[in-house]
Amino acid sequence: MSNDSQSNWKLQVYGIGLLGGVLFGLASAYLYSRAAEEDAEHQGGKPARMSTAQLIGLLLTSLGLIRQIAESGKVKK
């Protein structure tokens, strides 16, 4: 495989990953803010802050998703 074609497919993968990450992040932020706003309206004030336990759970879930994506690049035996 030539160096030019190798960097070309990598550039495409990075571009798709970047676009996917941006879209996923925007959708997540929108849904979170909408849910927090609805909760704040019911509670009559500011939205509650996310707990440390929730953040750790989201982090671990995100790491699991990243690991699954990385493993999908390997050939299955």
PDB file of N, CA and C in Angstrom:
ATOM      1  N   MET A   1       0.849  -1.171   0.000  1.00  0.00           N
ATOM      2  CA  MET A   1       0.000   0.000   0.000  1.00  0.00           C
ATOM      3  C   MET A   1       0.894   1.234   0.000  1.00  0.00           C
ATOM      4  N   SER A   2       0.629   2.147  -0.896  1.00  0.00           N
ATOM      5  CA  SER A   2       1.464   3.336  -0.980  1.00  0.00           C
ATOM      6  C   SER A   2       1.167   4.283   0.182  1.00  0.00           C
ATOM      7  N   ASN A   3       2.099   5.138   0.464  1.00  0.00           N
ATOM      8  CA  ASN A   3       1.965   6.078   1.565  1.00  0.00           C
ATOM      9  C   ASN A   3       0.813   7.049   1.330  1.00  0.00           C
ATOM     10  N   ASP A   4       0.608   7.442   0.047  1.00  0.00           N
ATOM     11  CA  ASP A   4      -0.465   8.382  -0.272  1.00  0.00           C
ATOM     12  C   ASP A   4      -1.841   7.766  -0.047  1.00  0.00           C
ATOM     13  N   SER A   5      -2.045   6.523  -0.490  1.00  0.00           N
ATOM     14  CA  SER A   5      -3.348   5.888  -0.305  1.00  0.00           C
ATOM     15  C   SER A   5      -3.595   5.539   1.160  1.00  0.00           C
ATOM     16  N   GLN A   6      -2.522   5.257   1.897  1.00  0.00           N
ATOM     17  CA  GLN A   6      -2.664   4.960   3.319  1.00  0.00           C
ATOM     18  C   GLN A   6      -3.130   6.199   4.074  1.00  0.00           C
ATOM     19  N   SER A   7      -2.543   7.350   3.778  1.00  0.00           N
ATOM     20  CA  SER A   7      -2.947   8.559   4.478  1.00  0.00           C
ATOM     21  C   SER A   7      -4.322   9.019   4.012  1.00  0.00           C
ATOM     22  N   ASN A   8      -4.726   8.681   2.778  1.00  0.00           N
ATOM     23  CA  ASN A   8      -6.025   9.074   2.266  1.00  0.00           C
ATOM     24  C   ASN A   8      -7.157   8.382   3.027  1.00  0.00           C
ATOM     25  N   TRP A   9      -7.059   7.061   3.232  1.00  0.00           N
ATOM     26  CA  TRP A   9      -8.134   6.386   3.944  1.00  0.00           C
ATOM     27  C   TRP A   9      -8.159   6.783   5.410  1.00  0.00           C
ATOM     28  N   LYS A  10      -6.983   7.054   5.987  1.00  0.00           N
ATOM     29  CA  LYS A  10      -6.946   7.510   7.374  1.00  0.00           C
ATOM     30  C   LYS A  10      -7.610   8.871   7.512  1.00  0.00           C
ATOM     31  N   LEU A  11      -7.353   9.749   6.539  1.00  0.00           N
ATOM     32  CA  LEU A  11      -7.973  11.070   6.554  1.00  0.00           C
ATOM     33  C   LEU A  11      -9.493  10.955   6.463  1.00  0.00           C
ATOM     34  N   GLN A  12      -9.979  10.033   5.646  1.00  0.00           N
ATOM     35  CA  GLN A  12     -11.427   9.810   5.541  1.00  0.00           C
ATOM     36  C   GLN A  12     -12.005   9.295   6.857  1.00  0.00           C
ATOM     37  N   VAL A  13     -11.306   8.371   7.502  1.00  0.00           N
ATOM     38  CA  VAL A  13     -11.768   7.831   8.778  1.00  0.00           C
ATOM     39  C   VAL A  13     -11.800   8.934   9.833  1.00  0.00           C
ATOM     40  N   TYR A  14     -10.753   9.755   9.892  1.00  0.00           N
ATOM     41  CA  TYR A  14     -10.721  10.860  10.854  1.00  0.00           C
ATOM     42  C   TYR A  14     -11.846  11.849  10.582  1.00  0.00           C
ATOM     43  N   GLY A  15     -12.099  12.139   9.324  1.00  0.00           N
ATOM     44  CA  GLY A  15     -13.172  13.070   8.974  1.00  0.00           C
ATOM     45  C   GLY A  15     -14.539  12.540   9.374  1.00  0.00           C
ATOM     46  N   ILE A  16     -14.785  11.262   9.099  1.00  0.00           N
ATOM     47  CA  ILE A  16     -16.056  10.654   9.479  1.00  0.00           C
ATOM     48  C   ILE A  16     -16.199  10.619  11.000  1.00  0.00           C
ATOM     49  N   GLY A  17     -15.115  10.291  11.692  1.00  0.00           N
ATOM     50  CA  GLY A  17     -15.139  10.275  13.154  1.00  0.00           C
ATOM     51  C   GLY A  17     -15.398  11.651  13.734  1.00  0.00           C
ATOM     52  N   LEU A  18     -14.773  12.664  13.147  1.00  0.00           N
ATOM     53  CA  LEU A  18     -14.977  14.035  13.608  1.00  0.00           C
ATOM     54  C   LEU A  18     -16.423  14.459  13.414  1.00  0.00           C
ATOM     55  N   LEU A  19     -16.953  14.216  12.232  1.00  0.00           N
ATOM     56  CA  LEU A  19     -18.333  14.586  11.939  1.00  0.00           C
ATOM     57  C   LEU A  19     -19.306  13.821  12.833  1.00  0.00           C
ATOM     58  N   GLY A  20     -19.062  12.529  12.998  1.00  0.00           N
ATOM     59  CA  GLY A  20     -19.918  11.725  13.870  1.00  0.00           C
ATOM     60  C   GLY A  20     -19.871  12.195  15.312  1.00  0.00           C
ATOM     61  N   GLY A  21     -18.676  12.538  15.785  1.00  0.00           N
ATOM     62  CA  GLY A  21     -18.526  13.020  17.157  1.00  0.00           C
ATOM     63  C   GLY A  21     -19.223  14.354  17.392  1.00  0.00           C
ATOM     64  N   VAL A  22     -19.108  15.240  16.423  1.00  0.00           N
ATOM     65  CA  VAL A  22     -19.775  16.541  16.544  1.00  0.00           C
ATOM     66  C   VAL A  22     -21.290  16.361  16.572  1.00  0.00           C
ATOM     67  N   LEU A  23     -21.812  15.546  15.656  1.00  0.00           N
ATOM     68  CA  LEU A  23     -23.259  15.327  15.615  1.00  0.00           C
ATOM     69  C   LEU A  23     -23.757  14.646  16.886  1.00  0.00           C
ATOM     70  N   PHE A  24     -23.013  13.647  17.373  1.00  0.00           N
ATOM     71  CA  PHE A  24     -23.384  12.950  18.603  1.00  0.00           C
ATOM     72  C   PHE A  24     -23.339  13.912  19.796  1.00  0.00           C
ATOM     73  N   GLY A  25     -22.311  14.736  19.852  1.00  0.00           N
ATOM     74  CA  GLY A  25     -22.177  15.693  20.949  1.00  0.00           C
ATOM     75  C   GLY A  25     -23.277  16.742  20.939  1.00  0.00           C
ATOM     76  N   LEU A  26     -23.602  17.261  19.762  1.00  0.00           N
ATOM     77  CA  LEU A  26     -24.679  18.248  19.664  1.00  0.00           C
ATOM     78  C   LEU A  26     -26.028  17.645  20.056  1.00  0.00           C
ATOM     79  N   ALA A  27     -26.304  16.449  19.579  1.00  0.00           N
ATOM     80  CA  ALA A  27     -27.565  15.792  19.928  1.00  0.00           C
ATOM     81  C   ALA A  27     -27.634  15.526  21.434  1.00  0.00           C
ATOM     82  N   SER A  28     -26.529  15.085  22.016  1.00  0.00           N
ATOM     83  CA  SER A  28     -26.493  14.811  23.453  1.00  0.00           C
ATOM     84  C   SER A  28     -26.707  16.082  24.260  1.00  0.00           C
ATOM     85  N   ALA A  29     -26.031  17.159  23.881  1.00  0.00           N
ATOM     86  CA  ALA A  29     -26.175  18.424  24.593  1.00  0.00           C
ATOM     87  C   ALA A  29     -27.594  18.964  24.486  1.00  0.00           C
ATOM     88  N   TYR A  30     -28.192  18.845  23.301  1.00  0.00           N
ATOM     89  CA  TYR A  30     -29.563  19.313  23.105  1.00  0.00           C
ATOM     90  C   TYR A  30     -30.538  18.531  23.984  1.00  0.00           C
ATOM     91  N   LEU A  31     -30.433  17.204  23.950  1.00  0.00           N
ATOM     92  CA  LEU A  31     -31.347  16.388  24.741  1.00  0.00           C
ATOM     93  C   LEU A  31     -31.155  16.597  26.241  1.00  0.00           C
ATOM     94  N   TYR A  32     -29.899  16.734  26.675  1.00  0.00           N
ATOM     95  CA  TYR A  32     -29.634  16.978  28.098  1.00  0.00           C
ATOM     96  C   TYR A  32     -30.211  18.325  28.533  1.00  0.00           C
ATOM     97  N   SER A  33     -29.970  19.366  27.739  1.00  0.00           N
ATOM     98  CA  SER A  33     -30.461  20.688  28.126  1.00  0.00           C
ATOM     99  C   SER A  33     -31.986  20.742  28.106  1.00  0.00           C
ATOM    100  N   ARG A  34     -32.603  20.042  27.160  1.00  0.00           N
ATOM    101  CA  ARG A  34     -34.068  20.014  27.114  1.00  0.00           C
ATOM    102  C   ARG A  34     -34.636  19.312  28.349  1.00  0.00           C
ATOM    103  N   ALA A  35     -34.053  18.184  28.729  1.00  0.00           N
ATOM    104  CA  ALA A  35     -34.516  17.457  29.914  1.00  0.00           C
ATOM    105  C   ALA A  35     -34.279  18.268  31.182  1.00  0.00           C
ATOM    106  N   ALA A  36     -33.135  18.931  31.272  1.00  0.00           N
ATOM    107  CA  ALA A  36     -32.826  19.737  32.454  1.00  0.00           C
ATOM    108  C   ALA A  36     -33.769  20.933  32.552  1.00  0.00           C
ATOM    109  N   GLU A  37     -34.099  21.521  31.420  1.00  0.00           N
ATOM    110  CA  GLU A  37     -35.011  22.657  31.406  1.00  0.00           C
ATOM    111  C   GLU A  37     -36.417  22.240  31.849  1.00  0.00           C
ATOM    112  N   GLU A  38     -36.880  21.094  31.349  1.00  0.00           N
ATOM    113  CA  GLU A  38     -38.189  20.595  31.754  1.00  0.00           C
ATOM    114  C   GLU A  38     -38.219  20.296  33.245  1.00  0.00           C
ATOM    115  N   ASP A  39     -37.141  19.712  33.757  1.00  0.00           N
ATOM    116  CA  ASP A  39     -37.061  19.408  35.184  1.00  0.00           C
ATOM    117  C   ASP A  39     -37.050  20.690  36.002  1.00  0.00           C
ATOM    118  N   ALA A  40     -36.344  21.704  35.525  1.00  0.00           N
ATOM    119  CA  ALA A  40     -36.277  22.977  36.246  1.00  0.00           C
ATOM    120  C   ALA A  40     -37.650  23.646  36.281  1.00  0.00           C
ATOM    121  N   GLU A  41     -38.415  23.528  35.197  1.00  0.00           N
ATOM    122  CA  GLU A  41     -39.761  24.110  35.181  1.00  0.00           C
ATOM    123  C   GLU A  41     -40.657  23.431  36.208  1.00  0.00           C
ATOM    124  N   HIS A  42     -40.509  22.112  36.359  1.00  0.00           N
ATOM    125  CA  HIS A  42     -41.327  21.387  37.328  1.00  0.00           C
ATOM    126  C   HIS A  42     -40.890  21.694  38.758  1.00  0.00           C
ATOM    127  N   GLN A  43     -39.597  21.908  38.958  1.00  0.00           N
ATOM    128  CA  GLN A  43     -39.058  22.178  40.288  1.00  0.00           C
ATOM    129  C   GLN A  43     -39.164  23.652  40.662  1.00  0.00           C
ATOM    130  N   GLY A  44     -39.387  24.512  39.665  1.00  0.00           N
ATOM    131  CA  GLY A  44     -39.540  25.942  39.927  1.00  0.00           C
ATOM    132  C   GLY A  44     -38.234  26.670  40.176  1.00  0.00           C
ATOM    133  N   GLY A  45     -37.220  26.369  39.420  1.00  0.00           N
ATOM    134  CA  GLY A  45     -35.944  27.049  39.615  1.00  0.00           C
ATOM    135  C   GLY A  45     -34.915  26.633  38.603  1.00  0.00           C
ATOM    136  N   LYS A  46     -33.667  26.656  39.051  1.00  0.00           N
ATOM    137  CA  LYS A  46     -32.556  26.260  38.189  1.00  0.00           C
ATOM    138  C   LYS A  46     -32.495  24.736  38.082  1.00  0.00           C
ATOM    139  N   PRO A  47     -31.962  24.254  36.959  1.00  0.00           N
ATOM    140  CA  PRO A  47     -31.804  22.796  36.844  1.00  0.00           C
ATOM    141  C   PRO A  47     -30.777  22.281  37.856  1.00  0.00           C
ATOM    142  N   ALA A  48     -31.009  21.070  38.322  1.00  0.00           N
ATOM    143  CA  ALA A  48     -30.084  20.462  39.284  1.00  0.00           C
ATOM    144  C   ALA A  48     -28.769  20.133  38.594  1.00  0.00           C
ATOM    145  N   ARG A  49     -27.691  20.217  39.348  1.00  0.00           N
ATOM    146  CA  ARG A  49     -26.379  19.864  38.802  1.00  0.00           C
ATOM    147  C   ARG A  49     -26.262  18.353  38.701  1.00  0.00           C
ATOM    148  N   MET A  50     -25.477  17.913  37.726  1.00  0.00           N
ATOM    149  CA  MET A  50     -25.246  16.488  37.549  1.00  0.00           C
ATOM    150  C   MET A  50     -24.314  16.005  38.659  1.00  0.00           C
ATOM    151  N   SER A  51     -24.652  14.860  39.235  1.00  0.00           N
ATOM    152  CA  SER A  51     -23.839  14.340  40.337  1.00  0.00           C
ATOM    153  C   SER A  51     -22.542  13.727  39.804  1.00  0.00           C
ATOM    154  N   THR A  52     -21.591  13.600  40.696  1.00  0.00           N
ATOM    155  CA  THR A  52     -20.308  12.990  40.343  1.00  0.00           C
ATOM    156  C   THR A  52     -20.502  11.540  39.914  1.00  0.00           C
ATOM    157  N   ALA A  53     -21.414  10.847  40.566  1.00  0.00           N
ATOM    158  CA  ALA A  53     -21.676   9.453  40.214  1.00  0.00           C
ATOM    159  C   ALA A  53     -22.218   9.345  38.786  1.00  0.00           C
ATOM    160  N   GLN A  54     -23.090  10.270  38.390  1.00  0.00           N
ATOM    161  CA  GLN A  54     -23.614  10.260  37.020  1.00  0.00           C
ATOM    162  C   GLN A  54     -22.499  10.528  36.015  1.00  0.00           C
ATOM    163  N   LEU A  55     -21.616  11.471  36.338  1.00  0.00           N
ATOM    164  CA  LEU A  55     -20.506  11.788  35.439  1.00  0.00           C
ATOM    165  C   LEU A  55     -19.556  10.601  35.280  1.00  0.00           C
ATOM    166  N   ILE A  56     -19.276   9.922  36.383  1.00  0.00           N
ATOM    167  CA  ILE A  56     -18.393   8.755  36.317  1.00  0.00           C
ATOM    168  C   ILE A  56     -19.046   7.650  35.497  1.00  0.00           C
ATOM    169  N   GLY A  57     -20.342   7.453  35.673  1.00  0.00           N
ATOM    170  CA  GLY A  57     -21.061   6.446  34.889  1.00  0.00           C
ATOM    171  C   GLY A  57     -21.027   6.764  33.398  1.00  0.00           C
ATOM    172  N   LEU A  58     -21.224   8.038  33.045  1.00  0.00           N
ATOM    173  CA  LEU A  58     -21.150   8.441  31.640  1.00  0.00           C
ATOM    174  C   LEU A  58     -19.751   8.251  31.080  1.00  0.00           C
ATOM    175  N   LEU A  59     -18.740   8.553  31.870  1.00  0.00           N
ATOM    176  CA  LEU A  59     -17.355   8.383  31.441  1.00  0.00           C
ATOM    177  C   LEU A  59     -17.048   6.914  31.167  1.00  0.00           C
ATOM    178  N   LEU A  60     -17.455   6.039  32.064  1.00  0.00           N
ATOM    179  CA  LEU A  60     -17.193   4.613  31.877  1.00  0.00           C
ATOM    180  C   LEU A  60     -17.948   4.058  30.669  1.00  0.00           C
ATOM    181  N   THR A  61     -19.169   4.517  30.477  1.00  0.00           N
ATOM    182  CA  THR A  61     -19.934   4.096  29.307  1.00  0.00           C
ATOM    183  C   THR A  61     -19.266   4.580  28.028  1.00  0.00           C
ATOM    184  N   SER A  62     -18.769   5.818  28.045  1.00  0.00           N
ATOM    185  CA  SER A  62     -18.084   6.373  26.876  1.00  0.00           C
ATOM    186  C   SER A  62     -16.811   5.592  26.569  1.00  0.00           C
ATOM    187  N   LEU A  63     -16.070   5.224  27.592  1.00  0.00           N
ATOM    188  CA  LEU A  63     -14.858   4.431  27.383  1.00  0.00           C
ATOM    189  C   LEU A  63     -15.191   3.067  26.781  1.00  0.00           C
ATOM    190  N   GLY A  64     -16.288   2.468  27.233  1.00  0.00           N
ATOM    191  CA  GLY A  64     -16.716   1.197  26.656  1.00  0.00           C
ATOM    192  C   GLY A  64     -17.083   1.332  25.186  1.00  0.00           C
ATOM    193  N   LEU A  65     -17.759   2.423  24.839  1.00  0.00           N
ATOM    194  CA  LEU A  65     -18.116   2.671  23.440  1.00  0.00           C
ATOM    195  C   LEU A  65     -16.869   2.875  22.588  1.00  0.00           C
ATOM    196  N   ILE A  66     -15.905   3.628  23.098  1.00  0.00           N
ATOM    197  CA  ILE A  66     -14.646   3.855  22.374  1.00  0.00           C
ATOM    198  C   ILE A  66     -13.914   2.532  22.168  1.00  0.00           C
ATOM    199  N   ARG A  67     -13.918   1.684  23.177  1.00  0.00           N
ATOM    200  CA  ARG A  67     -13.249   0.382  23.052  1.00  0.00           C
ATOM    201  C   ARG A  67     -13.917  -0.482  21.994  1.00  0.00           C
ATOM    202  N   GLN A  68     -15.257  -0.467  21.954  1.00  0.00           N
ATOM    203  CA  GLN A  68     -15.973  -1.245  20.939  1.00  0.00           C
ATOM    204  C   GLN A  68     -15.671  -0.731  19.539  1.00  0.00           C
ATOM    205  N   ILE A  69     -15.589   0.578  19.383  1.00  0.00           N
ATOM    206  CA  ILE A  69     -15.268   1.151  18.076  1.00  0.00           C
ATOM    207  C   ILE A  69     -13.863   0.745  17.669  1.00  0.00           C
ATOM    208  N   ALA A  70     -12.923   0.804  18.603  1.00  0.00           N
ATOM    209  CA  ALA A  70     -11.530   0.439  18.294  1.00  0.00           C
ATOM    210  C   ALA A  70     -11.437  -1.046  17.917  1.00  0.00           C
ATOM    211  N   GLU A  71     -12.172  -1.894  18.605  1.00  0.00           N
ATOM    212  CA  GLU A  71     -12.136  -3.326  18.314  1.00  0.00           C
ATOM    213  C   GLU A  71     -12.778  -3.650  16.969  1.00  0.00           C
ATOM    214  N   SER A  72     -13.679  -2.817  16.498  1.00  0.00           N
ATOM    215  CA  SER A  72     -14.327  -3.090  15.212  1.00  0.00           C
ATOM    216  C   SER A  72     -13.363  -2.933  14.034  1.00  0.00           C
ATOM    217  N   GLY A  73     -12.221  -2.308  14.265  1.00  0.00           N
ATOM    218  CA  GLY A  73     -11.217  -2.160  13.221  1.00  0.00           C
ATOM    219  C   GLY A  73     -10.349  -3.389  13.024  1.00  0.00           C
ATOM    220  N   LYS A  74     -10.453  -4.351  13.932  1.00  0.00           N
ATOM    221  CA  LYS A  74      -9.662  -5.575  13.822  1.00  0.00           C
ATOM    222  C   LYS A  74     -10.424  -6.636  13.044  1.00  0.00           C
ATOM    223  N   VAL A  75      -9.699  -7.511  12.399  1.00  0.00           N
ATOM    224  CA  VAL A  75     -10.298  -8.613  11.660  1.00  0.00           C
ATOM    225  C   VAL A  75     -10.760  -9.669  12.652  1.00  0.00           C
ATOM    226  N   LYS A  76     -11.995 -10.163  12.453  1.00  0.00           N
ATOM    227  CA  LYS A  76     -12.516 -11.207  13.336  1.00  0.00           C
ATOM    228  C   LYS A  76     -11.901 -12.536  12.956  1.00  0.00           C
ATOM    229  N   LYS A  77     -11.579 -13.354  13.956  1.00  0.00           N
ATOM    230  CA  LYS A  77     -10.952 -14.659  13.720  1.00  0.00           C
ATOM    231  C   LYS A  77     -11.971 -15.751  13.713  1.00  0.00           C
TER     232      LYS A  77
END
